[in-house]
PDB file of N, CA and C in Angstrom:
ATOM      1  N   MET A   1      14.720  63.487   6.776  1.00  0.00           N
ATOM      2  CA  MET A   1      15.332  63.314   5.521  1.00  0.00           C
ATOM      3  C   MET A   1      16.468  62.159   5.814  1.00  0.00           C
ATOM      4  N   GLY A   2      16.245  61.243   4.740  1.00  0.00           N
ATOM      5  CA  GLY A   2      17.337  60.228   4.731  1.00  0.00           C
ATOM      6  C   GLY A   2      18.663  60.550   4.015  1.00  0.00           C
ATOM      7  N   THR A   3      19.443  59.449   3.946  1.00  0.00           N
ATOM      8  CA  THR A   3      20.710  59.653   3.362  1.00  0.00           C
ATOM      9  C   THR A   3      20.706  59.963   1.802  1.00  0.00           C
ATOM     10  N   ILE A   4      21.611  60.498   1.149  1.00  0.00           N
ATOM     11  CA  ILE A   4      21.785  60.877  -0.127  1.00  0.00           C
ATOM     12  C   ILE A   4      21.251  59.708  -0.873  1.00  0.00           C
ATOM     13  N   ASP A   5      21.786  58.541  -0.820  1.00  0.00           N
ATOM     14  CA  ASP A   5      21.263  57.087  -1.633  1.00  0.00           C
ATOM     15  C   ASP A   5      19.816  56.862  -1.103  1.00  0.00           C
ATOM     16  N   SER A   6      19.159  57.054   0.035  1.00  0.00           N
ATOM     17  CA  SER A   6      17.922  56.715   0.139  1.00  0.00           C
ATOM     18  C   SER A   6      17.209  58.039  -0.619  1.00  0.00           C
ATOM     19  N   GLN A   7      17.484  59.180  -0.496  1.00  0.00           N
ATOM     20  CA  GLN A   7      16.741  60.107  -1.418  1.00  0.00           C
ATOM     21  C   GLN A   7      16.772  59.945  -2.734  1.00  0.00           C
ATOM     22  N   LYS A   8      18.013  59.496  -3.450  1.00  0.00           N
ATOM     23  CA  LYS A   8      17.966  59.044  -4.902  1.00  0.00           C
ATOM     24  C   LYS A   8      17.055  58.030  -5.248  1.00  0.00           C
ATOM     25  N   GLN A   9      17.285  56.933  -4.288  1.00  0.00           N
ATOM     26  CA  GLN A   9      16.251  55.853  -4.411  1.00  0.00           C
ATOM     27  C   GLN A   9      14.857  56.395  -4.422  1.00  0.00           C
ATOM     28  N   ASP A  10      14.390  57.396  -3.755  1.00  0.00           N
ATOM     29  CA  ASP A  10      13.031  57.834  -3.299  1.00  0.00           C
ATOM     30  C   ASP A  10      12.699  58.763  -4.698  1.00  0.00           C
ATOM     31  N   ILE A  11      13.663  59.349  -5.239  1.00  0.00           N
ATOM     32  CA  ILE A  11      13.134  60.304  -6.293  1.00  0.00           C
ATOM     33  C   ILE A  11      13.042  59.382  -7.609  1.00  0.00           C
ATOM     34  N   LEU A  12      13.807  58.318  -7.774  1.00  0.00           N
ATOM     35  CA  LEU A  12      13.678  57.153  -8.855  1.00  0.00           C
ATOM     36  C   LEU A  12      12.393  56.740  -8.670  1.00  0.00           C
ATOM     37  N   GLN A  13      12.000  56.267  -7.494  1.00  0.00           N
ATOM     38  CA  GLN A  13      10.829  55.457  -7.142  1.00  0.00           C
ATOM     39  C   GLN A  13       9.710  56.243  -7.392  1.00  0.00           C
ATOM     40  N   ALA A  14       9.762  57.515  -7.198  1.00  0.00           N
ATOM     41  CA  ALA A  14       8.683  58.530  -7.373  1.00  0.00           C
ATOM     42  C   ALA A  14       8.274  58.745  -8.902  1.00  0.00           C
ATOM     43  N   ILE A  15       9.444  58.927  -9.488  1.00  0.00           N
ATOM     44  CA  ILE A  15       9.438  59.003 -11.076  1.00  0.00           C
ATOM     45  C   ILE A  15       8.962  57.838 -11.655  1.00  0.00           C
ATOM     46  N   SER A  16       9.424  56.613 -11.400  1.00  0.00           N
ATOM     47  CA  SER A  16       8.893  55.489 -11.861  1.00  0.00           C
ATOM     48  C   SER A  16       7.231  55.174 -11.459  1.00  0.00           C
ATOM     49  N   ALA A  17       6.882  55.453 -10.433  1.00  0.00           N
ATOM     50  CA  ALA A  17       5.422  55.404 -10.023  1.00  0.00           C
ATOM     51  C   ALA A  17       4.574  56.456 -10.885  1.00  0.00           C
ATOM     52  N   MET A  18       5.356  57.531 -11.393  1.00  0.00           N
ATOM     53  CA  MET A  18       4.515  58.404 -12.558  1.00  0.00           C
ATOM     54  C   MET A  18       4.699  58.187 -13.633  1.00  0.00           C
ATOM     55  N   ARG A  19       5.607  57.121 -14.114  1.00  0.00           N
ATOM     56  CA  ARG A  19       5.795  56.865 -15.520  1.00  0.00           C
ATOM     57  C   ARG A  19       4.509  56.701 -16.585  1.00  0.00           C
ATOM     58  N   GLU A  20       3.530  56.084 -16.289  1.00  0.00           N
ATOM     59  CA  GLU A  20       2.411  56.103 -17.168  1.00  0.00           C
ATOM     60  C   GLU A  20       1.755  57.425 -17.634  1.00  0.00           C
ATOM     61  N   GLU A  21       1.441  58.113 -16.193  1.00  0.00           N
ATOM     62  CA  GLU A  21       1.145  59.376 -16.293  1.00  0.00           C
ATOM     63  C   GLU A  21       1.828  60.211 -17.082  1.00  0.00           C
ATOM     64  N   LEU A  22       3.311  60.227 -16.947  1.00  0.00           N
ATOM     65  CA  LEU A  22       4.047  61.168 -17.513  1.00  0.00           C
ATOM     66  C   LEU A  22       4.065  60.848 -19.028  1.00  0.00           C
ATOM     67  N   GLU A  23       3.885  59.742 -19.664  1.00  0.00           N
ATOM     68  CA  GLU A  23       3.773  59.138 -20.876  1.00  0.00           C
ATOM     69  C   GLU A  23       2.713  59.715 -21.604  1.00  0.00           C
ATOM     70  N   GLU A  24       1.470  59.585 -20.685  1.00  0.00           N
ATOM     71  CA  GLU A  24      -0.016  60.060 -21.659  1.00  0.00           C
ATOM     72  C   GLU A  24       0.003  61.666 -21.506  1.00  0.00           C
ATOM     73  N   ARG A  25       0.368  62.075 -20.500  1.00  0.00           N
ATOM     74  CA  ARG A  25       0.171  63.759 -20.144  1.00  0.00           C
ATOM     75  C   ARG A  25       1.264  64.519 -20.977  1.00  0.00           C
ATOM     76  N   TYR A  26       2.640  64.083 -21.058  1.00  0.00           N
ATOM     77  CA  TYR A  26       3.740  64.997 -21.316  1.00  0.00           C
ATOM     78  C   TYR A  26       4.486  64.150 -22.557  1.00  0.00           C
ATOM     79  N   THR A  27       4.034  63.145 -22.999  1.00  0.00           N
ATOM     80  CA  THR A  27       4.506  62.215 -24.223  1.00  0.00           C
ATOM     81  C   THR A  27       5.995  61.846 -23.646  1.00  0.00           C
ATOM     82  N   VAL A  28       6.203  61.580 -22.381  1.00  0.00           N
ATOM     83  CA  VAL A  28       7.547  61.211 -21.923  1.00  0.00           C
ATOM     84  C   VAL A  28       8.006  59.828 -22.477  1.00  0.00           C
ATOM     85  N   ARG A  29       9.045  59.613 -23.181  1.00  0.00           N
ATOM     86  CA  ARG A  29       9.391  58.332 -23.764  1.00  0.00           C
ATOM     87  C   ARG A  29      10.415  57.705 -22.648  1.00  0.00           C
ATOM     88  N   ARG A  30      11.227  58.588 -22.249  1.00  0.00           N
ATOM     89  CA  ARG A  30      12.392  58.292 -21.349  1.00  0.00           C
ATOM     90  C   ARG A  30      12.630  59.290 -20.383  1.00  0.00           C
ATOM     91  N   ILE A  31      13.052  59.008 -19.054  1.00  0.00           N
ATOM     92  CA  ILE A  31      13.325  59.881 -18.011  1.00  0.00           C
ATOM     93  C   ILE A  31      14.221  59.424 -17.074  1.00  0.00           C
ATOM     94  N   GLY A  32      15.189  60.132 -16.749  1.00  0.00           N
ATOM     95  CA  GLY A  32      16.196  59.782 -15.829  1.00  0.00           C
ATOM     96  C   GLY A  32      16.976  60.809 -15.004  1.00  0.00           C
ATOM     97  N   VAL A  33      17.519  60.708 -14.092  1.00  0.00           N
ATOM     98  CA  VAL A  33      18.211  61.564 -12.943  1.00  0.00           C
ATOM     99  C   VAL A  33      19.902  61.480 -13.257  1.00  0.00           C
ATOM    100  N   PHE A  34      20.410  62.852 -13.546  1.00  0.00           N
ATOM    101  CA  PHE A  34      21.691  62.823 -13.336  1.00  0.00           C
ATOM    102  C   PHE A  34      22.134  63.938 -12.568  1.00  0.00           C
ATOM    103  N   GLY A  35      23.516  64.300 -12.341  1.00  0.00           N
ATOM    104  CA  GLY A  35      23.989  65.202 -11.678  1.00  0.00           C
ATOM    105  C   GLY A  35      24.298  64.759 -10.190  1.00  0.00           C
ATOM    106  N   SER A  36      24.144  65.611  -9.270  1.00  0.00           N
ATOM    107  CA  SER A  36      24.465  65.393  -8.002  1.00  0.00           C
ATOM    108  C   SER A  36      23.782  64.389  -7.296  1.00  0.00           C
ATOM    109  N   PHE A  37      22.579  64.036  -7.659  1.00  0.00           N
ATOM    110  CA  PHE A  37      21.721  62.852  -6.787  1.00  0.00           C
ATOM    111  C   PHE A  37      22.278  61.713  -7.770  1.00  0.00           C
ATOM    112  N   ALA A  38      22.448  61.642  -9.058  1.00  0.00           N
ATOM    113  CA  ALA A  38      23.011  60.404  -9.386  1.00  0.00           C
ATOM    114  C   ALA A  38      24.403  59.958  -9.019  1.00  0.00           C
ATOM    115  N   ARG A  39      25.295  61.129  -8.729  1.00  0.00           N
ATOM    116  CA  ARG A  39      26.440  60.790  -8.182  1.00  0.00           C
ATOM    117  C   ARG A  39      26.728  60.609  -6.783  1.00  0.00           C
ATOM    118  N   GLY A  40      25.590  60.757  -6.199  1.00  0.00           N
ATOM    119  CA  GLY A  40      25.643  60.913  -4.536  1.00  0.00           C
ATOM    120  C   GLY A  40      26.223  62.117  -3.682  1.00  0.00           C
ATOM    121  N   THR A  41      26.340  63.150  -4.455  1.00  0.00           N
ATOM    122  CA  THR A  41      27.061  64.308  -3.733  1.00  0.00           C
ATOM    123  C   THR A  41      25.986  65.455  -3.638  1.00  0.00           C
ATOM    124  N   ALA A  42      24.690  65.130  -3.706  1.00  0.00           N
ATOM    125  CA  ALA A  42      23.548  66.114  -3.352  1.00  0.00           C
ATOM    126  C   ALA A  42      23.592  66.638  -1.821  1.00  0.00           C
ATOM    127  N   ASP A  43      23.140  67.703  -1.565  1.00  0.00           N
ATOM    128  CA  ASP A  43      22.757  67.918  -0.164  1.00  0.00           C
ATOM    129  C   ASP A  43      21.211  68.632  -0.038  1.00  0.00           C
ATOM    130  N   ARG A  44      21.098  69.048   0.880  1.00  0.00           N
ATOM    131  CA  ARG A  44      19.640  69.372   1.080  1.00  0.00           C
ATOM    132  C   ARG A  44      19.072  70.398   0.358  1.00  0.00           C
ATOM    133  N   VAL A  45      19.760  71.204  -0.127  1.00  0.00           N
ATOM    134  CA  VAL A  45      19.335  72.333  -1.103  1.00  0.00           C
ATOM    135  C   VAL A  45      19.770  71.928  -2.723  1.00  0.00           C
ATOM    136  N   SER A  46      20.030  70.756  -2.717  1.00  0.00           N
ATOM    137  CA  SER A  46      20.366  70.443  -4.244  1.00  0.00           C
ATOM    138  C   SER A  46      19.016  70.178  -4.978  1.00  0.00           C
ATOM    139  N   ASP A  47      19.053  70.898  -6.263  1.00  0.00           N
ATOM    140  CA  ASP A  47      18.077  70.489  -7.224  1.00  0.00           C
ATOM    141  C   ASP A  47      18.082  69.244  -7.896  1.00  0.00           C
ATOM    142  N   VAL A  48      16.970  68.801  -8.496  1.00  0.00           N
ATOM    143  CA  VAL A  48      17.353  67.341  -9.222  1.00  0.00           C
ATOM    144  C   VAL A  48      17.275  67.792 -10.619  1.00  0.00           C
ATOM    145  N   ASP A  49      18.662  67.336 -11.076  1.00  0.00           N
ATOM    146  CA  ASP A  49      18.749  67.154 -12.569  1.00  0.00           C
ATOM    147  C   ASP A  49      18.138  66.081 -13.323  1.00  0.00           C
ATOM    148  N   ILE A  50      17.084  66.466 -14.211  1.00  0.00           N
ATOM    149  CA  ILE A  50      16.498  65.233 -15.005  1.00  0.00           C
ATOM    150  C   ILE A  50      16.507  65.723 -16.446  1.00  0.00           C
ATOM    151  N   VAL A  51      17.054  64.438 -16.927  1.00  0.00           N
ATOM    152  CA  VAL A  51      16.765  64.545 -18.594  1.00  0.00           C
ATOM    153  C   VAL A  51      15.828  63.605 -19.033  1.00  0.00           C
ATOM    154  N   VAL A  52      15.142  63.987 -20.264  1.00  0.00           N
ATOM    155  CA  VAL A  52      13.837  63.468 -20.429  1.00  0.00           C
ATOM    156  C   VAL A  52      13.985  63.450 -22.051  1.00  0.00           C
ATOM    157  N   GLU A  53      13.322  62.446 -22.713  1.00  0.00           N
ATOM    158  CA  GLU A  53      13.069  62.237 -23.975  1.00  0.00           C
ATOM    159  C   GLU A  53      11.519  62.480 -24.389  1.00  0.00           C
ATOM    160  N   LEU A  54      10.904  63.335 -25.188  1.00  0.00           N
ATOM    161  CA  LEU A  54       9.810  63.559 -25.540  1.00  0.00           C
ATOM    162  C   LEU A  54       9.274  63.161 -26.822  1.00  0.00           C
ATOM    163  N   GLY A  55       8.294  62.485 -26.743  1.00  0.00           N
ATOM    164  CA  GLY A  55       7.623  62.281 -28.158  1.00  0.00           C
ATOM    165  C   GLY A  55       7.450  63.707 -28.854  1.00  0.00           C
ATOM    166  N   GLU A  56       6.663  64.702 -28.037  1.00  0.00           N
ATOM    167  CA  GLU A  56       6.020  66.012 -28.736  1.00  0.00           C
ATOM    168  C   GLU A  56       6.666  66.918 -27.804  1.00  0.00           C
ATOM    169  N   PRO A  57       8.012  67.401 -28.035  1.00  0.00           N
ATOM    170  CA  PRO A  57       8.735  68.403 -27.189  1.00  0.00           C
ATOM    171  C   PRO A  57       8.301  69.693 -27.390  1.00  0.00           C
ATOM    172  N   THR A  58       7.108  69.995 -26.871  1.00  0.00           N
ATOM    173  CA  THR A  58       6.594  71.370 -27.142  1.00  0.00           C
ATOM    174  C   THR A  58       7.010  72.298 -25.965  1.00  0.00           C
ATOM    175  N   PHE A  59       6.832  73.413 -25.965  1.00  0.00           N
ATOM    176  CA  PHE A  59       7.000  74.188 -24.695  1.00  0.00           C
ATOM    177  C   PHE A  59       5.964  73.895 -23.747  1.00  0.00           C
ATOM    178  N   ASP A  60       4.752  73.816 -23.993  1.00  0.00           N
ATOM    179  CA  ASP A  60       3.997  73.598 -22.971  1.00  0.00           C
ATOM    180  C   ASP A  60       4.147  72.284 -22.084  1.00  0.00           C
ATOM    181  N   HIS A  61       4.489  71.313 -22.849  1.00  0.00           N
ATOM    182  CA  HIS A  61       4.671  69.761 -22.490  1.00  0.00           C
ATOM    183  C   HIS A  61       6.099  69.950 -21.430  1.00  0.00           C
ATOM    184  N   TYR A  62       7.049  70.734 -21.994  1.00  0.00           N
ATOM    185  CA  TYR A  62       8.361  70.805 -21.144  1.00  0.00           C
ATOM    186  C   TYR A  62       7.878  71.756 -19.635  1.00  0.00           C
ATOM    187  N   MET A  63       7.166  72.786 -19.922  1.00  0.00           N
ATOM    188  CA  MET A  63       6.876  73.623 -18.650  1.00  0.00           C
ATOM    189  C   MET A  63       5.951  72.610 -17.763  1.00  0.00           C
ATOM    190  N   ASP A  64       4.972  72.560 -18.123  1.00  0.00           N
ATOM    191  CA  ASP A  64       4.083  71.431 -17.510  1.00  0.00           C
ATOM    192  C   ASP A  64       4.712  70.541 -16.694  1.00  0.00           C
ATOM    193  N   LEU A  65       5.463  69.629 -17.348  1.00  0.00           N
ATOM    194  CA  LEU A  65       6.094  68.469 -16.776  1.00  0.00           C
ATOM    195  C   LEU A  65       7.250  68.962 -15.750  1.00  0.00           C
ATOM    196  N   LYS A  66       7.814  69.915 -16.191  1.00  0.00           N
ATOM    197  CA  LYS A  66       8.866  70.730 -14.981  1.00  0.00           C
ATOM    198  C   LYS A  66       8.030  70.991 -13.801  1.00  0.00           C
ATOM    199  N   PHE A  67       6.790  71.592 -13.780  1.00  0.00           N
ATOM    200  CA  PHE A  67       6.243  72.092 -12.754  1.00  0.00           C
ATOM    201  C   PHE A  67       5.661  70.813 -11.864  1.00  0.00           C
ATOM    202  N   HIS A  68       5.183  69.996 -12.728  1.00  0.00           N
ATOM    203  CA  HIS A  68       4.486  68.604 -12.059  1.00  0.00           C
ATOM    204  C   HIS A  68       5.702  67.826 -11.384  1.00  0.00           C
ATOM    205  N   LEU A  69       6.870  67.594 -12.063  1.00  0.00           N
ATOM    206  CA  LEU A  69       7.897  67.130 -11.258  1.00  0.00           C
ATOM    207  C   LEU A  69       8.476  67.910 -10.076  1.00  0.00           C
ATOM    208  N   GLU A  70       8.453  69.010 -10.133  1.00  0.00           N
ATOM    209  CA  GLU A  70       8.664  70.005  -8.886  1.00  0.00           C
ATOM    210  C   GLU A  70       7.872  69.594  -7.752  1.00  0.00           C
ATOM    211  N   ASP A  71       6.405  69.791  -8.157  1.00  0.00           N
ATOM    212  CA  ASP A  71       5.436  69.236  -7.070  1.00  0.00           C
ATOM    213  C   ASP A  71       5.602  68.161  -6.391  1.00  0.00           C
ATOM    214  N   ALA A  72       5.811  67.004  -7.473  1.00  0.00           N
ATOM    215  CA  ALA A  72       5.678  65.770  -6.889  1.00  0.00           C
ATOM    216  C   ALA A  72       6.960  65.251  -6.206  1.00  0.00           C
ATOM    217  N   LEU A  73       7.968  65.867  -6.432  1.00  0.00           N
ATOM    218  CA  LEU A  73       9.367  65.680  -5.713  1.00  0.00           C
ATOM    219  C   LEU A  73       9.614  66.559  -4.724  1.00  0.00           C
ATOM    220  N   ASN A  74       8.917  67.839  -4.675  1.00  0.00           N
ATOM    221  CA  ASN A  74       8.985  68.709  -3.700  1.00  0.00           C
ATOM    222  C   ASN A  74      10.691  69.234  -3.410  1.00  0.00           C
ATOM    223  N   ARG A  75      11.105  69.672  -4.810  1.00  0.00           N
ATOM    224  CA  ARG A  75      12.434  70.129  -4.979  1.00  0.00           C
ATOM    225  C   ARG A  75      12.244  70.777  -6.222  1.00  0.00           C
ATOM    226  N   PRO A  76      13.249  71.918  -6.293  1.00  0.00           N
ATOM    227  CA  PRO A  76      13.411  72.581  -7.572  1.00  0.00           C
ATOM    228  C   PRO A  76      13.908  71.267  -8.665  1.00  0.00           C
ATOM    229  N   VAL A  77      13.655  71.233  -9.856  1.00  0.00           N
ATOM    230  CA  VAL A  77      14.049  70.419 -10.973  1.00  0.00           C
ATOM    231  C   VAL A  77      14.625  71.396 -12.164  1.00  0.00           C
ATOM    232  N   ASP A  78      15.706  70.665 -12.449  1.00  0.00           N
ATOM    233  CA  ASP A  78      16.520  71.337 -13.777  1.00  0.00           C
ATOM    234  C   ASP A  78      16.106  70.191 -14.652  1.00  0.00           C
ATOM    235  N   LEU A  79      15.354  70.472 -15.661  1.00  0.00           N
ATOM    236  CA  LEU A  79      14.815  69.549 -16.650  1.00  0.00           C
ATOM    237  C   LEU A  79      15.518  69.950 -17.956  1.00  0.00           C
ATOM    238  N   VAL A  80      16.107  68.885 -18.584  1.00  0.00           N
ATOM    239  CA  VAL A  80      16.956  69.021 -19.877  1.00  0.00           C
ATOM    240  C   VAL A  80      16.375  67.972 -20.804  1.00  0.00           C
ATOM    241  N   ILE A  81      15.861  68.528 -22.108  1.00  0.00           N
ATOM    242  CA  ILE A  81      15.316  67.650 -23.101  1.00  0.00           C
ATOM    243  C   ILE A  81      16.600  67.048 -23.764  1.00  0.00           C
ATOM    244  N   ALA A  82      16.758  65.789 -23.767  1.00  0.00           N
ATOM    245  CA  ALA A  82      17.534  65.097 -24.390  1.00  0.00           C
ATOM    246  C   ALA A  82      18.244  65.587 -26.048  1.00  0.00           C
ATOM    247  N   ASP A  83      17.253  65.836 -26.844  1.00  0.00           N
ATOM    248  CA  ASP A  83      17.715  66.130 -28.011  1.00  0.00           C
ATOM    249  C   ASP A  83      18.533  67.500 -27.957  1.00  0.00           C
ATOM    250  N   THR A  84      18.267  68.435 -27.023  1.00  0.00           N
ATOM    251  CA  THR A  84      18.862  69.854 -26.935  1.00  0.00           C
ATOM    252  C   THR A  84      19.996  69.677 -26.222  1.00  0.00           C
ATOM    253  N   VAL A  85      20.423  68.746 -25.636  1.00  0.00           N
ATOM    254  CA  VAL A  85      21.709  68.937 -24.985  1.00  0.00           C
ATOM    255  C   VAL A  85      22.805  69.132 -25.713  1.00  0.00           C
ATOM    256  N   LYS A  86      23.833  70.076 -25.324  1.00  0.00           N
ATOM    257  CA  LYS A  86      25.015  70.705 -25.885  1.00  0.00           C
ATOM    258  C   LYS A  86      25.862  69.498 -26.172  1.00  0.00           C
ATOM    259  N   PRO A  87      26.513  69.435 -27.331  1.00  0.00           N
ATOM    260  CA  PRO A  87      27.529  68.509 -27.473  1.00  0.00           C
ATOM    261  C   PRO A  87      28.429  67.897 -26.508  1.00  0.00           C
ATOM    262  N   ARG A  88      28.990  69.282 -25.753  1.00  0.00           N
ATOM    263  CA  ARG A  88      30.045  69.081 -24.963  1.00  0.00           C
ATOM    264  C   ARG A  88      29.578  68.498 -23.557  1.00  0.00           C
ATOM    265  N   LEU A  89      28.302  68.593 -23.179  1.00  0.00           N
ATOM    266  CA  LEU A  89      27.624  67.863 -22.119  1.00  0.00           C
ATOM    267  C   LEU A  89      27.113  66.797 -22.179  1.00  0.00           C
ATOM    268  N   LYS A  90      26.751  66.307 -23.492  1.00  0.00           N
ATOM    269  CA  LYS A  90      26.087  64.954 -23.705  1.00  0.00           C
ATOM    270  C   LYS A  90      26.846  63.776 -23.094  1.00  0.00           C
ATOM    271  N   PRO A  91      28.163  63.794 -23.225  1.00  0.00           N
ATOM    272  CA  PRO A  91      28.939  62.414 -22.751  1.00  0.00           C
ATOM    273  C   PRO A  91      28.531  62.331 -21.022  1.00  0.00           C
ATOM    274  N   VAL A  92      28.889  63.685 -20.605  1.00  0.00           N
ATOM    275  CA  VAL A  92      28.627  63.651 -19.167  1.00  0.00           C
ATOM    276  C   VAL A  92      27.271  63.038 -18.726  1.00  0.00           C
ATOM    277  N   ILE A  93      26.429  63.663 -19.203  1.00  0.00           N
ATOM    278  CA  ILE A  93      24.744  63.486 -18.900  1.00  0.00           C
ATOM    279  C   ILE A  93      24.510  62.038 -19.268  1.00  0.00           C
ATOM    280  N   ASP A  94      25.041  61.518 -20.497  1.00  0.00           N
ATOM    281  CA  ASP A  94      24.851  60.095 -20.755  1.00  0.00           C
ATOM    282  C   ASP A  94      25.545  58.960 -19.691  1.00  0.00           C
ATOM    283  N   ARG A  95      26.771  59.627 -19.199  1.00  0.00           N
ATOM    284  CA  ARG A  95      27.455  58.877 -18.457  1.00  0.00           C
ATOM    285  C   ARG A  95      26.609  58.458 -16.876  1.00  0.00           C
ATOM    286  N   GLU A  96      26.065  59.918 -16.630  1.00  0.00           N
ATOM    287  CA  GLU A  96      25.677  59.826 -14.858  1.00  0.00           C
ATOM    288  C   GLU A  96      24.169  59.535 -15.074  1.00  0.00           C
ATOM    289  N   THR A  97      23.520  59.548 -16.131  1.00  0.00           N
ATOM    290  CA  THR A  97      22.141  59.230 -15.882  1.00  0.00           C
ATOM    291  C   THR A  97      21.768  57.911 -15.405  1.00  0.00           C
ATOM    292  N   ILE A  98      20.813  57.985 -14.412  1.00  0.00           N
ATOM    293  CA  ILE A  98      20.115  56.781 -13.932  1.00  0.00           C
ATOM    294  C   ILE A  98      18.625  56.838 -14.481  1.00  0.00           C
ATOM    295  N   TYR A  99      18.066  55.982 -15.151  1.00  0.00           N
ATOM    296  CA  TYR A  99      16.787  56.034 -15.890  1.00  0.00           C
ATOM    297  C   TYR A  99      15.955  55.397 -15.039  1.00  0.00           C
ATOM    298  N   ALA A 100      14.533  56.022 -14.819  1.00  0.00           N
ATOM    299  CA  ALA A 100      13.533  55.543 -14.054  1.00  0.00           C
ATOM    300  C   ALA A 100      12.717  54.384 -14.824  1.00  0.00           C
TER     301      ALA A 100
END
């Protein structure tokens, strides 16, 4: 396991490499990492906080995308749909997010 910065870069590169597939299968328009990995404070048990904009935000797309990301990243994923973020959390997520 590398440093937190290298892990963050690995996660962003993995997501970037999947972009086309994520767009086609799950209607992903935009996807980024926020939270402990974006801040550089993650540890070996941290989940990956991901915010996503979906063209068709269905329950099936959400769940299938969450499982797909967890399998690909080999970590638990906390997946947030951008349009459903609570107003008090939106500024924090907007400030922290690093888009792939």
